[in-house]
């Protein structure tokens, strides 16, 4: 355990530091809030002790900054004044406790250990909750899923970089969380970022963080994703959308295991396992020159390819049962299962939206279902996306309809593009070569559910 003592009185820092050492606690001292900001950016602390009255930046300002920066460690305010208003303000700003000088060092030490233990337990519970959700979602007994589970258990204990591939909606993040939960850093954070969902001009600062004054609007230092994932796993989703200009920097991070914040000069070591995922063909992108070959090989140490749901229909009953159980808890419904005909209808459906489409169908069905058993008439597959160019109609009204119109092709292309970009209209419009306004107009014209 390491504690940061922020107090402008040197004898207080020295005395507390010596006592902490006798209790097996490492500590550092900062004589003011500005020095504390720098030290917090350089070292990971389990707790912070902050004096209320300090020149330049008082304790309340420092606590406000600590919480604004996203630090979650316990903070204890210390003061020579036993003012109730000060205690209330400290707690409002994010302090966990407030003590008055002079205080009993042994009592303070017990309090710190208790707060740190509670904070660690809270983190473990949060990670366990996310892990349980991942375990609950990661179901399937098909040969392909059984093989993936075996691979995960073999590679999880190592620190090898993993590349997960598969169509959109197949559950790449679920697999990434499963790897994290079986790894040696399972008690650390699981930090995920969707590369395609972050504007290109902000992506670098999100990944690496920045120093105060690095650019216009950088009014305070910010930790990046690599730092936030320290001691855990960083999941780079849709890595195929990363611009070439940033790929070389990511390659350097994977090689050196060090990062430098924007506007910074001192490289910092990182301690996070890297898992990347994509629904794109990276080998083809390498051939086309849109993805660096050296980065591809750095990422592709271990490859896990998730098959689409339509190729493992035997997993649909298990997945459906899991999804229903989850929605019963969140929606307050009491659906217990399917009629054989309804389940067979789901198994015969081509899920080109994969597990995400199955979730969408079942959520909609559970909202409108009257009984506790889902019947064929309860299932509404009209909002589902069919294979491009495939005829989905049946019955007398469709007989003799074999031609595909230009409008059908246009609608299908828009749907596929929106799927690839997970509903991001700006990226989809760029891919289709049309303006965003035109795309929005087409979505309305074809009544496409985004």
Foldseek 3Di string as FASTA:
>chain_A
DEEEEEALDPVVVVVLQVVCVVVVYHYDYHNHLVSVQVVVVADPHQEYEAEQDHPPAGRLRSLLVCVVQPPDHAYEYEYQDPDPVVQVSSVVSPHPYYYHPPDDSVVVVVVNVVRSVVSLVVLQVVLVVVLVVLVLQLDDDPPLSVVLVVVLLVPLQDLAFEEEEEAAQACRVSSVSPSQCNYPLSSFDEAEDEQLVDPLVCNQCQAAWAAQPLDPPSNHTHHHQQANQASGAYEYEAPLPHFPVCLVVVLVCLVVQWGAHRVGDDIGHGHHRYYYYHHDDVVVCCVVVGHPPSSVVSNVPDYRYRYACLVRLVGVQSNLQSLVVVCCVVVVAQADEEDPVLSVVSSPDDQPNGSVLVSVQSVQLRVPDDDNYRYNVSTDCVLGQDDQPDDPDDDDVCPPPNDDDPLSNVVNLLVVLCSNSVNPLCSSCVVVVHHSVVSVVSCVVVVHDD
